[in-house]
Amino acid sequence: MNQYIEFSQEVADALSNNKPVVAIETGGTFEGIPYPDNVETAKKVMAEVRSSGAVPAYVSIMNGKIKVGMSDLELEDYGKRRGTMAKVSRREIPLILAKGEYGVMTLAATMVVASIVNIPVVSGGGFGGVHRGAEVSMDISSDLEEIASRNVIVVCSGAKSILDLNLTMEYLETKSVPVIGYKTSEMPAYMAIESGIKLPCQMDSVEEVGKAYRIKNDLGIKTGMILMNPISREYAVDATLMNKVIDEAIECSIKDGVKGKAITGYLMKYLKEKMGSDSMDSQKNMIIENASLAAKLSSAI
């Protein structure tokens, strides 16, 4: 694996000494947030993870190598490349490595790498899922397939609000993926707290979540887990307004002929443009809060 994967010294030392590590997706930070704010947000995320007792490991592809953990200099270089790097999910990993290019990792790709290097906790913003109209388009995020087969816990703020949240939950139930609300019984909707969808399980401590993860492994149950962490109310956006903007975005995407892999980026860009700086502040704080919780969970495990 050494020819494909490179660890920062901090992450390598932590893994060799069995210290808690959090794998962090680069997509939400480095694709979703403009430079230089993406670099500043990443530094805040890493500081928060360290202060919560774990080692941060942003997962990326740089110069045809999978990087697990990045230095400040690498963060700066990577952040400046926003908009020029490939979006990498599971299927793109060998292609981008073979071409020697740079890539930002989706949650699915981050789960793949975390599973390979034995990091059990993955932190992200929002989970990918079943797109609206998927009964016709068959547009379903590879995040769902990866969580069904990787032995990781993903800490996120629910599924992205552009999705069909009910069908996403049905899919997770079909795949027997344990879904837990952290101090909530309602599924968060990314930057909004309310979705109206009841979760199957609520847990109020990372120790309890960690215990569930250990029991799952002891029993040989071969799926990942999702811990849904609602964004703090002070940073949350209004759910009614957000859904109205999403409906507009979907109509525009149909008119513009946007399909397949491009649809998520199109809808998220539209959402942020229409909702202004509040949505960007929400995204930044959501990423930081989820990383902090992931670090505490990693320590508990």
C-alpha atoms as a PDB file:
ATOM      1  CA  MET A   1       0.000   0.000   0.000  1.00  0.00           C
ATOM      2  CA  ASN A   2       2.957   2.370   0.537  1.00  0.00           C
ATOM      3  CA  GLN A   3       3.140   3.089  -3.188  1.00  0.00           C
ATOM      4  CA  TYR A   4      -0.424   4.464  -3.092  1.00  0.00           C
ATOM      5  CA  ILE A   5      -0.949   5.905   0.403  1.00  0.00           C
ATOM      6  CA  GLU A   6       1.122   8.479   2.275  1.00  0.00           C
ATOM      7  CA  PHE A   7       0.555   9.445   5.920  1.00  0.00           C
ATOM      8  CA  SER A   8       1.470  12.689   7.621  1.00  0.00           C
ATOM      9  CA  GLN A   9       3.942  12.088  10.438  1.00  0.00           C
ATOM     10  CA  GLU A  10       1.319  13.033  13.023  1.00  0.00           C
ATOM     11  CA  VAL A  11      -1.179  10.488  11.688  1.00  0.00           C
ATOM     12  CA  ALA A  12       1.455   7.764  11.223  1.00  0.00           C
ATOM     13  CA  ASP A  13       2.602   8.160  14.838  1.00  0.00           C
ATOM     14  CA  ALA A  14      -0.985   8.093  16.114  1.00  0.00           C
ATOM     15  CA  LEU A  15      -1.890   4.940  14.200  1.00  0.00           C
ATOM     16  CA  SER A  16       1.288   3.108  15.228  1.00  0.00           C
ATOM     17  CA  ASN A  17       0.612   3.986  18.882  1.00  0.00           C
ATOM     18  CA  ASN A  18      -3.118   3.138  18.728  1.00  0.00           C
ATOM     19  CA  LYS A  19      -4.211   6.728  19.412  1.00  0.00           C
ATOM     20  CA  PRO A  20      -7.610   8.021  18.241  1.00  0.00           C
ATOM     21  CA  VAL A  21      -7.679   9.387  14.677  1.00  0.00           C
ATOM     22  CA  VAL A  22     -10.519  10.984  12.708  1.00  0.00           C
ATOM     23  CA  ALA A  23     -10.655  10.686   8.906  1.00  0.00           C
ATOM     24  CA  ILE A  24     -12.120  13.911   7.484  1.00  0.00           C
ATOM     25  CA  GLU A  25     -13.557  14.285   3.984  1.00  0.00           C
ATOM     26  CA  THR A  26     -11.994  17.050   1.883  1.00  0.00           C
ATOM     27  CA  GLY A  27     -15.049  17.570  -0.348  1.00  0.00           C
ATOM     28  CA  GLY A  28     -17.098  19.617   2.117  1.00  0.00           C
ATOM     29  CA  THR A  29     -14.210  21.880   3.128  1.00  0.00           C
ATOM     30  CA  PHE A  30     -12.150  22.284  -0.013  1.00  0.00           C
ATOM     31  CA  GLU A  31     -14.800  22.046  -2.718  1.00  0.00           C
ATOM     32  CA  GLY A  32     -17.690  23.658  -0.860  1.00  0.00           C
ATOM     33  CA  ILE A  33     -15.835  26.672   0.620  1.00  0.00           C
ATOM     34  CA  PRO A  34     -13.846  29.244  -1.431  1.00  0.00           C
ATOM     35  CA  TYR A  35     -10.133  29.953  -0.868  1.00  0.00           C
ATOM     36  CA  PRO A  36      -8.761  31.207   1.538  1.00  0.00           C
ATOM     37  CA  ASP A  37     -11.725  30.433   3.817  1.00  0.00           C
ATOM     38  CA  ASN A  38     -11.392  26.715   3.024  1.00  0.00           C
ATOM     39  CA  VAL A  39      -7.848  26.638   4.437  1.00  0.00           C
ATOM     40  CA  GLU A  40      -8.826  28.634   7.528  1.00  0.00           C
ATOM     41  CA  THR A  41     -11.805  26.339   8.116  1.00  0.00           C
ATOM     42  CA  ALA A  42      -9.579  23.261   7.751  1.00  0.00           C
ATOM     43  CA  LYS A  43      -7.159  24.649  10.330  1.00  0.00           C
ATOM     44  CA  LYS A  44     -10.040  25.282  12.746  1.00  0.00           C
ATOM     45  CA  VAL A  45     -11.317  21.746  12.160  1.00  0.00           C
ATOM     46  CA  MET A  46      -7.905  20.270  12.899  1.00  0.00           C
ATOM     47  CA  ALA A  47      -7.463  22.387  16.019  1.00  0.00           C
ATOM     48  CA  GLU A  48     -10.907  21.335  17.260  1.00  0.00           C
ATOM     49  CA  VAL A  49     -10.141  17.642  16.687  1.00  0.00           C
ATOM     50  CA  ARG A  50      -6.858  17.928  18.582  1.00  0.00           C
ATOM     51  CA  SER A  51      -8.472  19.800  21.473  1.00  0.00           C
ATOM     52  CA  SER A  52     -11.112  17.045  21.650  1.00  0.00           C
ATOM     53  CA  GLY A  53      -8.449  14.368  22.123  1.00  0.00           C
ATOM     54  CA  ALA A  54      -7.825  12.933  18.655  1.00  0.00           C
ATOM     55  CA  VAL A  55      -5.578  13.389  15.616  1.00  0.00           C
ATOM     56  CA  PRO A  56      -7.092  14.952  12.454  1.00  0.00           C
ATOM     57  CA  ALA A  57      -6.556  13.216   9.113  1.00  0.00           C
ATOM     58  CA  TYR A  58      -7.907  15.066   6.092  1.00  0.00           C
ATOM     59  CA  VAL A  59      -8.076  12.518   3.266  1.00  0.00           C
ATOM     60  CA  SER A  60      -7.143  13.713  -0.222  1.00  0.00           C
ATOM     61  CA  ILE A  61      -5.314  12.818  -3.412  1.00  0.00           C
ATOM     62  CA  MET A  62      -2.221  14.917  -4.151  1.00  0.00           C
ATOM     63  CA  ASN A  63       0.168  14.275  -7.046  1.00  0.00           C
ATOM     64  CA  GLY A  64      -1.237  10.804  -7.600  1.00  0.00           C
ATOM     65  CA  LYS A  65      -0.944   9.717  -3.951  1.00  0.00           C
ATOM     66  CA  ILE A  66      -3.660   9.227  -1.354  1.00  0.00           C
ATOM     67  CA  LYS A  67      -2.768  11.547   1.512  1.00  0.00           C
ATOM     68  CA  VAL A  68      -3.993  10.723   5.018  1.00  0.00           C
ATOM     69  CA  GLY A  69      -3.295  13.876   6.990  1.00  0.00           C
ATOM     70  CA  MET A  70      -1.854  17.126   5.622  1.00  0.00           C
ATOM     71  CA  SER A  71       0.677  19.700   6.804  1.00  0.00           C
ATOM     72  CA  ASP A  72      -0.111  23.425   6.860  1.00  0.00           C
ATOM     73  CA  LEU A  73       1.881  23.907   3.647  1.00  0.00           C
ATOM     74  CA  GLU A  74      -0.050  21.116   1.947  1.00  0.00           C
ATOM     75  CA  LEU A  75      -3.349  22.588   3.159  1.00  0.00           C
ATOM     76  CA  GLU A  76      -2.430  25.945   1.616  1.00  0.00           C
ATOM     77  CA  ASP A  77      -1.440  24.440  -1.726  1.00  0.00           C
ATOM     78  CA  TYR A  78      -4.498  22.196  -1.777  1.00  0.00           C
ATOM     79  CA  GLY A  79      -6.880  25.008  -0.880  1.00  0.00           C
ATOM     80  CA  LYS A  80      -5.602  27.207  -3.717  1.00  0.00           C
ATOM     81  CA  ARG A  81      -6.414  24.435  -6.187  1.00  0.00           C
ATOM     82  CA  ARG A  82     -10.152  24.647  -5.452  1.00  0.00           C
ATOM     83  CA  GLY A  83     -12.172  24.343  -8.652  1.00  0.00           C
ATOM     84  CA  THR A  84      -9.357  22.639 -10.572  1.00  0.00           C
ATOM     85  CA  MET A  85      -9.350  19.232  -8.844  1.00  0.00           C
ATOM     86  CA  ALA A  86     -11.395  16.169  -9.728  1.00  0.00           C
ATOM     87  CA  LYS A  87     -14.246  15.136  -7.465  1.00  0.00           C
ATOM     88  CA  VAL A  88     -13.305  11.632  -6.350  1.00  0.00           C
ATOM     89  CA  SER A  89     -15.686   8.896  -5.278  1.00  0.00           C
ATOM     90  CA  ARG A  90     -14.808   5.195  -5.034  1.00  0.00           C
ATOM     91  CA  ARG A  91     -14.740   4.550  -8.793  1.00  0.00           C
ATOM     92  CA  GLU A  92     -12.427   7.492  -9.513  1.00  0.00           C
ATOM     93  CA  ILE A  93      -9.734   6.614  -6.953  1.00  0.00           C
ATOM     94  CA  PRO A  94      -7.602   4.326  -9.205  1.00  0.00           C
ATOM     95  CA  LEU A  95      -8.105   6.611 -12.212  1.00  0.00           C
ATOM     96  CA  ILE A  96      -6.847   9.783 -10.492  1.00  0.00           C
ATOM     97  CA  LEU A  97      -3.953   7.876  -8.913  1.00  0.00           C
ATOM     98  CA  ALA A  98      -2.946   6.451 -12.288  1.00  0.00           C
ATOM     99  CA  LYS A  99      -3.011   9.921 -13.896  1.00  0.00           C
ATOM    100  CA  GLY A 100      -0.982  11.449 -11.057  1.00  0.00           C
ATOM    101  CA  GLU A 101      -3.534  14.193 -10.443  1.00  0.00           C
ATOM    102  CA  TYR A 102      -5.176  15.964  -7.496  1.00  0.00           C
ATOM    103  CA  GLY A 103      -8.624  15.125  -6.175  1.00  0.00           C
ATOM    104  CA  VAL A 104     -11.116  16.109  -3.474  1.00  0.00           C
ATOM    105  CA  MET A 105     -12.628  13.120  -1.716  1.00  0.00           C
ATOM    106  CA  THR A 106     -16.335  12.542  -1.302  1.00  0.00           C
ATOM    107  CA  LEU A 107     -17.623  10.919   1.856  1.00  0.00           C
ATOM    108  CA  ALA A 108     -17.731   7.578  -0.002  1.00  0.00           C
ATOM    109  CA  ALA A 109     -14.068   7.828  -1.021  1.00  0.00           C
ATOM    110  CA  THR A 110     -13.102   8.858   2.506  1.00  0.00           C
ATOM    111  CA  MET A 111     -14.861   5.779   3.878  1.00  0.00           C
ATOM    112  CA  VAL A 112     -12.932   3.578   1.438  1.00  0.00           C
ATOM    113  CA  VAL A 113      -9.576   4.965   2.562  1.00  0.00           C
ATOM    114  CA  ALA A 114     -10.494   4.999   6.271  1.00  0.00           C
ATOM    115  CA  SER A 115     -11.488   1.334   6.013  1.00  0.00           C
ATOM    116  CA  ILE A 116      -8.206   0.412   4.283  1.00  0.00           C
ATOM    117  CA  VAL A 117      -6.026   2.129   6.923  1.00  0.00           C
ATOM    118  CA  ASN A 118      -8.201   1.078   9.887  1.00  0.00           C
ATOM    119  CA  ILE A 119      -9.536   4.450  11.016  1.00  0.00           C
ATOM    120  CA  PRO A 120     -13.028   3.710  12.404  1.00  0.00           C
ATOM    121  CA  VAL A 121     -14.438   7.258  12.620  1.00  0.00           C
ATOM    122  CA  VAL A 122     -15.129   9.446   9.580  1.00  0.00           C
ATOM    123  CA  SER A 123     -16.288  13.061   9.769  1.00  0.00           C
ATOM    124  CA  GLY A 124     -18.224  14.921   7.089  1.00  0.00           C
ATOM    125  CA  GLY A 125     -20.841  17.590   6.549  1.00  0.00           C
ATOM    126  CA  GLY A 126     -23.873  15.931   5.013  1.00  0.00           C
ATOM    127  CA  PHE A 127     -24.471  12.382   3.841  1.00  0.00           C
ATOM    128  CA  GLY A 128     -25.235  11.570   0.206  1.00  0.00           C
ATOM    129  CA  GLY A 129     -28.386   9.581  -0.484  1.00  0.00           C
ATOM    130  CA  VAL A 130     -31.310   9.006  -2.818  1.00  0.00           C
ATOM    131  CA  HIS A 131     -31.957  11.981  -5.097  1.00  0.00           C
ATOM    132  CA  ARG A 132     -35.426  13.350  -5.681  1.00  0.00           C
ATOM    133  CA  GLY A 133     -36.862  11.629  -8.731  1.00  0.00           C
ATOM    134  CA  ALA A 134     -34.548   8.638  -8.328  1.00  0.00           C
ATOM    135  CA  GLU A 135     -37.426   6.305  -9.255  1.00  0.00           C
ATOM    136  CA  VAL A 136     -36.821   7.597 -12.811  1.00  0.00           C
ATOM    137  CA  SER A 137     -33.165   8.678 -12.811  1.00  0.00           C
ATOM    138  CA  MET A 138     -31.786   5.927 -10.512  1.00  0.00           C
ATOM    139  CA  ASP A 139     -29.533   8.625  -9.040  1.00  0.00           C
ATOM    140  CA  ILE A 140     -28.357   7.219  -5.712  1.00  0.00           C
ATOM    141  CA  SER A 141     -25.173   8.352  -3.965  1.00  0.00           C
ATOM    142  CA  SER A 142     -22.355   5.858  -3.557  1.00  0.00           C
ATOM    143  CA  ASP A 143     -22.177   7.042   0.081  1.00  0.00           C
ATOM    144  CA  LEU A 144     -25.032   4.620   0.775  1.00  0.00           C
ATOM    145  CA  GLU A 145     -23.261   1.626  -0.733  1.00  0.00           C
ATOM    146  CA  GLU A 146     -20.045   2.364   1.135  1.00  0.00           C
ATOM    147  CA  ILE A 147     -21.673   2.771   4.565  1.00  0.00           C
ATOM    148  CA  ALA A 148     -23.439  -0.544   4.001  1.00  0.00           C
ATOM    149  CA  SER A 149     -20.132  -2.355   3.493  1.00  0.00           C
ATOM    150  CA  ARG A 150     -17.437  -0.436   5.433  1.00  0.00           C
ATOM    151  CA  ASN A 151     -16.776  -0.920   9.138  1.00  0.00           C
ATOM    152  CA  VAL A 152     -16.770   2.796   9.989  1.00  0.00           C
ATOM    153  CA  ILE A 153     -18.942   5.292  11.865  1.00  0.00           C
ATOM    154  CA  VAL A 154     -19.756   8.424   9.878  1.00  0.00           C
ATOM    155  CA  VAL A 155     -20.495  11.556  11.891  1.00  0.00           C
ATOM    156  CA  CYS A 156     -22.571  13.993   9.832  1.00  0.00           C
ATOM    157  CA  SER A 157     -25.500  16.418  10.014  1.00  0.00           C
ATOM    158  CA  GLY A 158     -27.949  14.036   8.368  1.00  0.00           C
ATOM    159  CA  ALA A 159     -28.360  13.761   4.619  1.00  0.00           C
ATOM    160  CA  LYS A 160     -27.973  16.679   2.256  1.00  0.00           C
ATOM    161  CA  SER A 161     -31.229  18.595   2.025  1.00  0.00           C
ATOM    162  CA  ILE A 162     -31.336  18.436  -1.777  1.00  0.00           C
ATOM    163  CA  LEU A 163     -32.122  14.709  -1.492  1.00  0.00           C
ATOM    164  CA  ASP A 164     -35.277  12.692  -0.941  1.00  0.00           C
ATOM    165  CA  LEU A 165     -34.753  12.207   2.795  1.00  0.00           C
ATOM    166  CA  ASN A 166     -37.550   9.661   3.261  1.00  0.00           C
ATOM    167  CA  LEU A 167     -36.225   7.421   0.489  1.00  0.00           C
ATOM    168  CA  THR A 168     -32.695   7.822   1.829  1.00  0.00           C
ATOM    169  CA  MET A 169     -33.823   6.514   5.220  1.00  0.00           C
ATOM    170  CA  GLU A 170     -35.698   3.655   3.525  1.00  0.00           C
ATOM    171  CA  TYR A 171     -32.528   2.708   1.652  1.00  0.00           C
ATOM    172  CA  LEU A 172     -30.477   2.687   4.864  1.00  0.00           C
ATOM    173  CA  GLU A 173     -33.117   0.507   6.516  1.00  0.00           C
ATOM    174  CA  THR A 174     -33.006  -1.926   3.570  1.00  0.00           C
ATOM    175  CA  LYS A 175     -29.231  -2.149   3.943  1.00  0.00           C
ATOM    176  CA  SER A 176     -29.582  -2.645   7.743  1.00  0.00           C
ATOM    177  CA  VAL A 177     -27.334   0.317   8.538  1.00  0.00           C
ATOM    178  CA  PRO A 178     -27.698   1.488  12.177  1.00  0.00           C
ATOM    179  CA  VAL A 179     -28.653   5.185  12.167  1.00  0.00           C
ATOM    180  CA  ILE A 180     -28.341   7.085  15.456  1.00  0.00           C
ATOM    181  CA  GLY A 181     -29.415  10.598  16.334  1.00  0.00           C
ATOM    182  CA  TYR A 182     -26.996  12.328  18.683  1.00  0.00           C
ATOM    183  CA  LYS A 183     -29.195  13.887  21.373  1.00  0.00           C
ATOM    184  CA  THR A 184     -32.068  14.003  18.881  1.00  0.00           C
ATOM    185  CA  SER A 185     -34.900  11.761  17.714  1.00  0.00           C
ATOM    186  CA  GLU A 186     -35.388  13.714  14.462  1.00  0.00           C
ATOM    187  CA  MET A 187     -33.226  13.412  11.372  1.00  0.00           C
ATOM    188  CA  PRO A 188     -31.314  16.662  10.791  1.00  0.00           C
ATOM    189  CA  ALA A 189     -31.424  18.037   7.244  1.00  0.00           C
ATOM    190  CA  TYR A 190     -27.871  19.244   6.692  1.00  0.00           C
ATOM    191  CA  MET A 191     -27.894  22.994   7.465  1.00  0.00           C
ATOM    192  CA  ALA A 192     -31.420  22.775   8.920  1.00  0.00           C
ATOM    193  CA  ILE A 193     -32.325  21.071  12.181  1.00  0.00           C
ATOM    194  CA  GLU A 194     -35.846  19.968  11.254  1.00  0.00           C
ATOM    195  CA  SER A 195     -36.797  17.376   8.647  1.00  0.00           C
ATOM    196  CA  GLY A 196     -39.956  15.901  10.167  1.00  0.00           C
ATOM    197  CA  ILE A 197     -38.449  12.403   9.894  1.00  0.00           C
ATOM    198  CA  LYS A 198     -38.178  10.316  13.051  1.00  0.00           C
ATOM    199  CA  LEU A 199     -34.936   8.433  13.604  1.00  0.00           C
ATOM    200  CA  PRO A 200     -34.926   4.802  14.778  1.00  0.00           C
ATOM    201  CA  CYS A 201     -32.532   5.453  17.676  1.00  0.00           C
ATOM    202  CA  GLN A 202     -31.332   8.307  19.879  1.00  0.00           C
ATOM    203  CA  MET A 203     -28.164   8.205  21.984  1.00  0.00           C
ATOM    204  CA  ASP A 204     -26.955  10.967  24.273  1.00  0.00           C
ATOM    205  CA  SER A 205     -23.291  10.104  24.864  1.00  0.00           C
ATOM    206  CA  VAL A 206     -20.324   9.095  22.729  1.00  0.00           C
ATOM    207  CA  GLU A 207     -19.618   6.288  25.202  1.00  0.00           C
ATOM    208  CA  GLU A 208     -22.978   4.713  24.380  1.00  0.00           C
ATOM    209  CA  VAL A 209     -22.368   5.072  20.631  1.00  0.00           C
ATOM    210  CA  GLY A 210     -18.895   3.561  21.003  1.00  0.00           C
ATOM    211  CA  LYS A 211     -20.342   0.650  22.961  1.00  0.00           C
ATOM    212  CA  ALA A 212     -22.864  -0.005  20.160  1.00  0.00           C
ATOM    213  CA  TYR A 213     -20.032   0.014  17.629  1.00  0.00           C
ATOM    214  CA  ARG A 214     -17.993  -2.490  19.646  1.00  0.00           C
ATOM    215  CA  ILE A 215     -21.012  -4.775  20.092  1.00  0.00           C
ATOM    216  CA  LYS A 216     -21.711  -4.648  16.354  1.00  0.00           C
ATOM    217  CA  ASN A 217     -18.139  -5.726  15.660  1.00  0.00           C
ATOM    218  CA  ASP A 218     -18.174  -8.436  18.338  1.00  0.00           C
ATOM    219  CA  LEU A 219     -21.293  -9.915  16.753  1.00  0.00           C
ATOM    220  CA  GLY A 220     -19.758  -9.803  13.267  1.00  0.00           C
ATOM    221  CA  ILE A 221     -22.382  -7.459  11.823  1.00  0.00           C
ATOM    222  CA  LYS A 222     -20.851  -6.233   8.556  1.00  0.00           C
ATOM    223  CA  THR A 223     -22.127  -2.691   8.091  1.00  0.00           C
ATOM    224  CA  GLY A 224     -21.035   0.783   9.025  1.00  0.00           C
ATOM    225  CA  MET A 225     -22.997   3.152  11.276  1.00  0.00           C
ATOM    226  CA  ILE A 226     -24.187   6.749  10.968  1.00  0.00           C
ATOM    227  CA  LEU A 227     -24.247   9.220  13.836  1.00  0.00           C
ATOM    228  CA  MET A 228     -26.390  12.217  12.912  1.00  0.00           C
ATOM    229  CA  ASN A 229     -25.422  15.411  14.711  1.00  0.00           C
ATOM    230  CA  PRO A 230     -27.771  18.411  14.283  1.00  0.00           C
ATOM    231  CA  ILE A 231     -26.115  21.734  13.602  1.00  0.00           C
ATOM    232  CA  SER A 232     -26.254  24.167  16.532  1.00  0.00           C
ATOM    233  CA  ARG A 233     -29.440  26.229  16.426  1.00  0.00           C
ATOM    234  CA  GLU A 234     -27.521  29.500  16.250  1.00  0.00           C
ATOM    235  CA  TYR A 235     -26.009  28.454  12.913  1.00  0.00           C
ATOM    236  CA  ALA A 236     -29.009  26.587  11.464  1.00  0.00           C
ATOM    237  CA  VAL A 237     -30.910  27.876   8.429  1.00  0.00           C
ATOM    238  CA  ASP A 238     -34.708  28.039   8.198  1.00  0.00           C
ATOM    239  CA  ALA A 239     -35.968  24.671   6.899  1.00  0.00           C
ATOM    240  CA  THR A 240     -39.011  26.126   5.092  1.00  0.00           C
ATOM    241  CA  LEU A 241     -36.930  28.686   3.208  1.00  0.00           C
ATOM    242  CA  MET A 242     -34.284  26.102   2.377  1.00  0.00           C
ATOM    243  CA  ASN A 243     -36.824  23.675   0.900  1.00  0.00           C
ATOM    244  CA  LYS A 244     -38.333  26.465  -1.211  1.00  0.00           C
ATOM    245  CA  VAL A 245     -34.914  27.301  -2.652  1.00  0.00           C
ATOM    246  CA  ILE A 246     -34.196  23.605  -3.300  1.00  0.00           C
ATOM    247  CA  ASP A 247     -37.435  23.240  -5.276  1.00  0.00           C
ATOM    248  CA  GLU A 248     -36.375  26.231  -7.397  1.00  0.00           C
ATOM    249  CA  ALA A 249     -32.917  24.736  -7.882  1.00  0.00           C
ATOM    250  CA  ILE A 250     -34.321  21.408  -9.071  1.00  0.00           C
ATOM    251  CA  GLU A 251     -36.541  23.176 -11.622  1.00  0.00           C
ATOM    252  CA  CYS A 252     -33.520  25.115 -12.912  1.00  0.00           C
ATOM    253  CA  SER A 253     -31.384  21.969 -13.123  1.00  0.00           C
ATOM    254  CA  ILE A 254     -34.024  20.287 -15.282  1.00  0.00           C
ATOM    255  CA  LYS A 255     -34.163  23.316 -17.599  1.00  0.00           C
ATOM    256  CA  ASP A 256     -30.362  23.387 -17.822  1.00  0.00           C
ATOM    257  CA  GLY A 257     -30.145  19.645 -18.504  1.00  0.00           C
ATOM    258  CA  VAL A 258     -27.931  18.911 -15.510  1.00  0.00           C
ATOM    259  CA  LYS A 259     -27.776  15.182 -14.739  1.00  0.00           C
ATOM    260  CA  GLY A 260     -25.777  12.471 -12.994  1.00  0.00           C
ATOM    261  CA  LYS A 261     -22.638  13.334 -11.057  1.00  0.00           C
ATOM    262  CA  ALA A 262     -22.964  17.080 -11.766  1.00  0.00           C
ATOM    263  CA  ILE A 263     -26.373  17.479 -10.110  1.00  0.00           C
ATOM    264  CA  THR A 264     -25.156  17.617  -6.485  1.00  0.00           C
ATOM    265  CA  GLY A 265     -22.649  20.387  -7.149  1.00  0.00           C
ATOM    266  CA  TYR A 266     -25.198  22.339  -9.202  1.00  0.00           C
ATOM    267  CA  LEU A 267     -27.900  22.188  -6.529  1.00  0.00           C
ATOM    268  CA  MET A 268     -25.536  22.990  -3.651  1.00  0.00           C
ATOM    269  CA  LYS A 269     -24.096  25.980  -5.534  1.00  0.00           C
ATOM    270  CA  TYR A 270     -27.611  27.282  -6.256  1.00  0.00           C
ATOM    271  CA  LEU A 271     -28.593  26.834  -2.609  1.00  0.00           C
ATOM    272  CA  LYS A 272     -25.588  28.779  -1.334  1.00  0.00           C
ATOM    273  CA  GLU A 273     -25.992  31.590  -3.870  1.00  0.00           C
ATOM    274  CA  LYS A 274     -29.651  32.131  -3.024  1.00  0.00           C
ATOM    275  CA  MET A 275     -29.255  31.841   0.747  1.00  0.00           C
ATOM    276  CA  GLY A 276     -26.158  34.031   0.914  1.00  0.00           C
ATOM    277  CA  SER A 277     -23.531  34.226   3.627  1.00  0.00           C
ATOM    278  CA  ASP A 278     -25.740  32.527   6.226  1.00  0.00           C
ATOM    279  CA  SER A 279     -25.486  29.215   4.391  1.00  0.00           C
ATOM    280  CA  MET A 280     -21.697  29.492   4.139  1.00  0.00           C
ATOM    281  CA  ASP A 281     -21.412  30.215   7.871  1.00  0.00           C
ATOM    282  CA  SER A 282     -23.678  27.231   8.511  1.00  0.00           C
ATOM    283  CA  GLN A 283     -21.522  24.925   6.424  1.00  0.00           C
ATOM    284  CA  LYS A 284     -18.281  26.020   8.095  1.00  0.00           C
ATOM    285  CA  ASN A 285     -19.634  25.560  11.620  1.00  0.00           C
ATOM    286  CA  MET A 286     -21.333  22.276  10.761  1.00  0.00           C
ATOM    287  CA  ILE A 287     -18.022  20.811   9.560  1.00  0.00           C
ATOM    288  CA  ILE A 288     -16.242  21.997  12.718  1.00  0.00           C
ATOM    289  CA  GLU A 289     -18.959  20.710  15.082  1.00  0.00           C
ATOM    290  CA  ASN A 290     -19.082  17.301  13.426  1.00  0.00           C
ATOM    291  CA  ALA A 291     -15.298  16.940  13.547  1.00  0.00           C
ATOM    292  CA  SER A 292     -15.318  17.780  17.248  1.00  0.00           C
ATOM    293  CA  LEU A 293     -17.950  15.133  17.977  1.00  0.00           C
ATOM    294  CA  ALA A 294     -16.095  12.610  15.789  1.00  0.00           C
ATOM    295  CA  ALA A 295     -12.917  13.213  17.812  1.00  0.00           C
ATOM    296  CA  LYS A 296     -14.720  12.544  21.101  1.00  0.00           C
ATOM    297  CA  LEU A 297     -16.273   9.410  19.619  1.00  0.00           C
ATOM    298  CA  SER A 298     -12.905   8.196  18.351  1.00  0.00           C
ATOM    299  CA  SER A 299     -11.453   8.646  21.845  1.00  0.00           C
ATOM    300  CA  ALA A 300     -14.390   6.730  23.339  1.00  0.00           C
ATOM    301  CA  ILE A 301     -13.885   3.827  20.922  1.00  0.00           C
END
